[in-house]
Amino acid sequence: MKFLNVLSLVLPAVQAMPANAPRGVRIRDEATLERLKASHDATIKALKDGTAYYPGSHALQARQVETIAGLAGFAIVELFGALGGTVAGLENKLIDLFTSGNQDEIWHNHGHCRTYFQTQGGGNCETRTYERDSGDATATHEDGDCAWIDPENNDPPVVYYEGDPGIGKYSIQYTATDEYTWDEVEGSEKCSVQGLCNPQYVFYRDDYNLVLSTWQSQGDVSACSYSGGDDCKGLCMSGVKNQFKSGGQVWGGDCAIPCEDEATLPDE
């Protein structure tokens, strides 16, 4: 298990970040990137091996049976068995966070941290994040390195960010084009339009990571209205944003995401 031995050396420092670090920047420090890449690889492996946790797979209570669809596409990846008996408590915490007391469309609800993503013509990616209670983006990233070059022979690139207020370290990786899907991610789907789509977010925490596969967490506006926002059937809403823009169609989406101070481990 050479991979895990190496991983154990690099992961504990993933969360360390100087207090004076710039806010909302792409991570370029080589040592930090090495640690995050190892953590990301472990996360993808856990998703593929079926060892990730999906909120609601433990201790389903009667109330949760009806609302759990709202967390489709969301997963918890445990690193080195660090969660122990707290994993069920973390799952329930996330369920309560995203299925209780919401108003209307959860992906636009200012009571949650949120993200917006978009691509055009197979690249020209833009990612925005919104701190809780913010109507305006608190960080915006424009990054052409998201483009998936030669999908037949290469994996889609992963871009890492830090310093976004309230969000913490995270990465975004687009998993599909209109012709290809990344086979390392189960259930990936081709784009309905020409270009790049269906990003997967990984939020890096101490001892565990949180994963949002946006295409598997598509919400329903009618369900939101009917439930008063308690069960939107998903955390995201994606689609074509501008069909006629020069340079190609603009595709994008909005999602509710966990704030850095929300998805913390409960006491055992």
Protein backbone atom coordinates (compact mmCIF):
# COMPACT_ATOMS: atom_id res chain seq x y z
CA MET A 1 0.00 0.00 0.00
CA LYS A 2 2.73 2.43 -1.02
CA PHE A 3 0.14 4.99 -2.17
CA LEU A 4 -1.48 5.21 1.25
CA ASN A 5 1.88 5.45 3.03
CA VAL A 6 2.88 8.41 0.88
CA LEU A 7 -0.56 9.94 1.33
CA SER A 8 -0.32 9.73 5.10
CA LEU A 9 2.79 11.90 5.00
CA VAL A 10 1.27 14.68 2.94
CA LEU A 11 -2.36 14.94 3.97
CA PRO A 12 -2.17 16.31 7.53
CA ALA A 13 -0.86 19.64 6.28
CA VAL A 14 -3.58 20.19 3.68
CA GLN A 15 -5.53 22.60 5.84
CA ALA A 16 -2.61 24.76 6.91
CA MET A 17 -2.83 28.23 5.40
CA PRO A 18 -1.03 31.40 6.50
CA ALA A 19 -3.31 33.98 8.09
CA ASN A 20 -2.10 36.62 5.64
CA ALA A 21 -2.76 34.53 2.50
CA PRO A 22 -4.55 36.41 -0.32
CA ARG A 23 -8.30 35.83 -0.50
CA GLY A 24 -9.81 34.01 -3.45
CA VAL A 25 -6.75 32.88 -5.41
CA ARG A 26 -5.74 29.90 -7.47
CA ILE A 27 -3.32 27.68 -5.57
CA ARG A 28 0.10 27.57 -7.24
CA ASP A 29 2.43 26.70 -4.37
CA GLU A 30 4.01 23.38 -5.38
CA ALA A 31 4.06 21.84 -1.91
CA THR A 32 0.41 22.71 -1.28
CA LEU A 33 -0.58 21.43 -4.71
CA GLU A 34 1.22 18.14 -4.08
CA ARG A 35 -0.74 17.61 -0.88
CA LEU A 36 -4.05 18.54 -2.46
CA LYS A 37 -3.46 16.37 -5.52
CA ALA A 38 -2.78 13.38 -3.27
CA SER A 39 -5.96 14.13 -1.35
CA HIS A 40 -7.93 14.50 -4.59
CA ASP A 41 -6.57 11.18 -5.91
CA ALA A 42 -7.63 9.46 -2.69
CA THR A 43 -11.08 11.01 -3.01
CA ILE A 44 -11.59 9.81 -6.59
CA LYS A 45 -10.38 6.34 -5.58
CA ALA A 46 -12.88 6.20 -2.70
CA LEU A 47 -15.74 7.25 -4.98
CA LYS A 48 -14.74 4.62 -7.52
CA ASP A 49 -14.21 1.87 -4.93
CA GLY A 50 -17.55 2.54 -3.28
CA THR A 51 -16.04 3.47 0.09
CA ALA A 52 -17.40 7.02 0.17
CA TYR A 53 -20.34 7.88 2.41
CA TYR A 54 -23.54 9.37 1.05
CA PRO A 55 -25.67 11.38 3.49
CA GLY A 56 -28.62 9.25 4.52
CA SER A 57 -26.92 5.88 4.05
CA HIS A 58 -26.60 5.67 7.84
CA ALA A 59 -29.37 5.92 10.43
CA LEU A 60 -32.22 7.09 8.24
CA GLN A 61 -34.87 8.69 10.35
CA ALA A 62 -38.46 8.85 9.16
CA ARG A 63 -38.20 12.57 8.40
CA GLN A 64 -35.07 12.06 6.32
CA VAL A 65 -36.49 9.37 4.04
CA GLU A 66 -38.52 11.97 2.18
CA THR A 67 -35.87 14.71 2.10
CA ILE A 68 -32.71 12.80 1.29
CA ALA A 69 -33.16 13.27 -2.47
CA GLY A 70 -32.12 16.88 -1.89
CA LEU A 71 -28.56 15.70 -1.24
CA ALA A 72 -28.14 13.59 -4.36
CA GLY A 73 -24.65 13.88 -5.78
CA PHE A 74 -23.12 14.76 -2.41
CA ALA A 75 -20.54 12.49 -0.75
CA ILE A 76 -18.20 12.36 2.24
CA VAL A 77 -14.77 10.75 1.78
CA GLU A 78 -13.09 9.62 4.97
CA LEU A 79 -9.27 9.67 5.09
CA PHE A 80 -7.51 6.97 7.16
CA GLY A 81 -10.60 6.05 9.15
CA ALA A 82 -10.35 9.37 10.96
CA LEU A 83 -14.11 9.91 11.27
CA GLY A 84 -14.78 6.80 13.30
CA GLY A 85 -18.20 6.93 14.94
CA THR A 86 -18.73 10.58 13.99
CA VAL A 87 -19.52 9.90 10.33
CA ALA A 88 -23.24 9.35 10.96
CA GLY A 89 -23.36 12.56 12.97
CA LEU A 90 -21.68 14.44 10.12
CA GLU A 91 -24.17 12.98 7.65
CA ASN A 92 -27.11 14.07 9.79
CA LYS A 93 -25.57 17.52 10.18
CA LEU A 94 -25.40 17.90 6.38
CA ILE A 95 -28.95 16.61 5.96
CA ASP A 96 -30.24 19.17 8.46
CA LEU A 97 -28.18 21.90 6.81
CA PHE A 98 -29.56 21.38 3.31
CA THR A 99 -33.09 20.14 3.94
CA SER A 100 -34.40 22.29 6.79
CA GLY A 101 -35.64 25.86 6.84
CA ASN A 102 -34.76 26.70 3.26
CA GLN A 103 -36.67 29.21 1.18
CA ASP A 104 -37.48 28.64 -2.47
CA GLU A 105 -34.55 27.61 -4.69
CA ILE A 106 -31.70 26.42 -2.50
CA TRP A 107 -29.06 27.20 -5.14
CA HIS A 108 -30.02 30.90 -4.90
CA ASN A 109 -30.66 30.97 -1.14
CA HIS A 110 -28.44 33.58 0.53
CA GLY A 111 -28.62 31.62 3.77
CA HIS A 112 -26.17 29.13 2.24
CA CYS A 113 -22.71 29.47 0.81
CA ARG A 114 -23.05 29.14 -2.95
CA THR A 115 -21.11 28.75 -6.17
CA TYR A 116 -21.65 29.66 -9.81
CA PHE A 117 -19.73 28.08 -12.67
CA GLN A 118 -19.75 28.55 -16.42
CA THR A 119 -17.86 27.57 -19.57
CA GLN A 120 -17.94 28.65 -23.19
CA GLY A 121 -16.69 26.86 -26.27
CA GLY A 122 -14.91 24.12 -24.33
CA GLY A 123 -13.05 26.52 -22.03
CA ASN A 124 -13.25 30.13 -20.83
CA CYS A 125 -14.21 28.89 -17.38
CA GLU A 126 -15.47 31.18 -14.65
CA THR A 127 -16.06 30.16 -11.05
CA ARG A 128 -17.67 32.37 -8.43
CA THR A 129 -18.26 31.70 -4.76
CA TYR A 130 -20.62 33.45 -2.38
CA GLU A 131 -20.18 33.60 1.35
CA ARG A 132 -23.27 33.00 3.49
CA ASP A 133 -25.66 36.00 3.45
CA SER A 134 -23.90 37.56 0.45
CA GLY A 135 -25.86 38.56 -2.63
CA ASP A 136 -22.70 39.41 -4.55
CA ALA A 137 -19.83 37.06 -5.35
CA THR A 138 -17.13 37.19 -2.68
CA ALA A 139 -14.56 35.62 -5.04
CA THR A 140 -14.40 35.26 -8.83
CA HIS A 141 -11.94 33.11 -10.79
CA GLU A 142 -11.47 33.10 -14.55
CA ASP A 143 -9.26 30.24 -15.65
CA GLY A 144 -8.60 28.83 -19.11
CA ASP A 145 -6.66 25.89 -17.67
CA CYS A 146 -9.96 24.11 -17.08
CA ALA A 147 -10.12 23.07 -20.76
CA TRP A 148 -10.00 19.31 -21.33
CA ILE A 149 -7.41 18.92 -24.09
CA ASP A 150 -7.41 15.63 -26.05
CA PRO A 151 -9.94 13.80 -23.84
CA GLU A 152 -9.19 10.48 -25.50
CA ASN A 153 -5.69 10.47 -24.01
CA ASN A 154 -5.77 12.86 -21.04
CA ASP A 155 -7.66 13.26 -17.79
CA PRO A 156 -9.59 16.51 -17.33
CA PRO A 157 -7.53 19.07 -15.38
CA VAL A 158 -8.23 19.88 -11.75
CA VAL A 159 -7.94 23.53 -10.67
CA TYR A 160 -7.45 24.33 -6.97
CA TYR A 161 -8.48 27.48 -5.10
CA GLU A 162 -8.13 28.89 -1.59
CA GLY A 163 -8.93 32.01 0.37
CA ASP A 164 -12.52 32.37 -0.84
CA PRO A 165 -14.30 33.88 2.17
CA GLY A 166 -16.20 31.23 4.10
CA ILE A 167 -15.48 28.43 1.61
CA GLY A 168 -11.98 27.10 2.37
CA LYS A 169 -9.77 25.12 0.02
CA TYR A 170 -11.58 23.48 -2.89
CA SER A 171 -11.07 22.19 -6.41
CA ILE A 172 -13.19 22.08 -9.54
CA GLN A 173 -12.89 19.58 -12.38
CA TYR A 174 -15.10 19.44 -15.47
CA THR A 175 -15.89 15.79 -16.18
CA ALA A 176 -17.50 15.81 -19.63
CA THR A 177 -17.75 17.26 -23.11
CA ASP A 178 -20.43 16.68 -25.71
CA GLU A 179 -18.37 13.69 -26.96
CA TYR A 180 -16.52 12.32 -23.92
CA THR A 181 -17.00 11.57 -20.24
CA TRP A 182 -14.25 10.93 -17.70
CA ASP A 183 -14.36 7.22 -16.94
CA GLU A 184 -12.84 7.65 -13.47
CA VAL A 185 -16.13 9.14 -12.27
CA GLU A 186 -19.06 6.75 -12.15
CA GLY A 187 -22.23 8.11 -13.70
CA SER A 188 -20.60 10.97 -15.58
CA GLU A 189 -22.80 12.28 -18.40
CA LYS A 190 -22.07 13.91 -21.75
CA CYS A 191 -22.95 17.56 -22.27
CA SER A 192 -26.24 18.36 -23.95
CA VAL A 193 -24.50 21.24 -25.75
CA GLN A 194 -21.18 21.55 -27.51
CA GLY A 195 -18.33 22.24 -25.11
CA LEU A 196 -17.42 21.48 -21.50
CA CYS A 197 -19.79 20.74 -18.62
CA ASN A 198 -20.63 18.88 -15.41
CA PRO A 199 -18.02 19.98 -12.86
CA GLN A 200 -17.20 18.04 -9.73
CA TYR A 201 -16.23 20.05 -6.65
CA VAL A 202 -14.08 18.71 -3.82
CA PHE A 203 -13.97 20.67 -0.55
CA TYR A 204 -10.89 19.81 1.52
CA ARG A 205 -11.24 19.41 5.29
CA ASP A 206 -9.11 17.92 8.06
CA ASP A 207 -9.30 14.12 7.80
CA TYR A 208 -12.13 14.08 5.25
CA ASN A 209 -13.29 15.68 2.01
CA LEU A 210 -16.74 16.69 0.75
CA VAL A 211 -17.67 16.02 -2.87
CA LEU A 212 -20.40 17.60 -4.98
CA SER A 213 -21.03 16.00 -8.39
CA THR A 214 -23.16 18.80 -9.82
CA TRP A 215 -24.85 16.84 -12.61
CA GLN A 216 -26.12 14.28 -10.08
CA SER A 217 -27.56 17.00 -7.85
CA GLN A 218 -29.88 18.79 -10.27
CA GLY A 219 -32.82 20.37 -8.53
CA ASP A 220 -36.42 20.91 -9.51
CA VAL A 221 -38.05 24.34 -9.23
CA SER A 222 -41.54 22.86 -8.77
CA ALA A 223 -40.32 20.60 -5.97
CA CYS A 224 -38.76 23.64 -4.28
CA SER A 225 -42.02 25.56 -4.42
CA TYR A 226 -44.11 22.61 -3.25
CA SER A 227 -41.86 21.87 -0.26
CA GLY A 228 -41.18 25.49 0.68
CA GLY A 229 -37.52 24.91 -0.13
CA ASP A 230 -37.10 21.92 2.19
CA ASP A 231 -36.59 19.47 -0.69
CA CYS A 232 -35.43 20.89 -4.00
CA LYS A 233 -34.40 17.38 -5.19
CA GLY A 234 -30.84 18.65 -5.58
CA LEU A 235 -28.43 21.41 -4.65
CA CYS A 236 -27.80 22.70 -8.18
CA MET A 237 -29.46 24.06 -11.29
CA SER A 238 -27.44 23.92 -14.54
CA GLY A 239 -28.12 24.66 -18.18
CA VAL A 240 -27.49 26.92 -21.16
CA LYS A 241 -27.03 30.55 -20.08
CA ASN A 242 -26.53 32.17 -23.49
CA GLN A 243 -27.29 30.23 -26.64
CA PHE A 244 -26.20 32.84 -29.16
CA LYS A 245 -23.02 34.41 -27.76
CA SER A 246 -20.11 34.80 -30.17
CA GLY A 247 -17.52 32.09 -29.52
CA GLY A 248 -20.00 29.41 -28.54
CA GLN A 249 -22.85 28.71 -26.18
CA VAL A 250 -22.39 29.68 -22.56
CA TRP A 251 -23.26 26.80 -20.23
CA GLY A 252 -23.29 27.14 -16.45
CA GLY A 253 -24.99 26.54 -13.16
CA ASP A 254 -25.57 27.50 -9.53
CA CYS A 255 -25.23 25.30 -6.43
CA ALA A 256 -25.61 25.55 -2.68
CA ILE A 257 -22.40 24.36 -1.02
CA PRO A 258 -21.23 23.84 2.58
CA CYS A 259 -19.55 26.80 4.24
CA GLU A 260 -16.20 26.02 5.82
CA ASP A 261 -17.57 26.45 9.34
CA GLU A 262 -20.70 24.32 8.77
CA ALA A 263 -19.51 20.85 7.80
CA THR A 264 -17.38 20.34 10.89
CA LEU A 265 -17.18 17.11 12.84
CA PRO A 266 -19.70 16.69 15.66
CA ASP A 267 -18.62 15.39 19.03
CA GLU A 268 -18.76 11.60 19.21
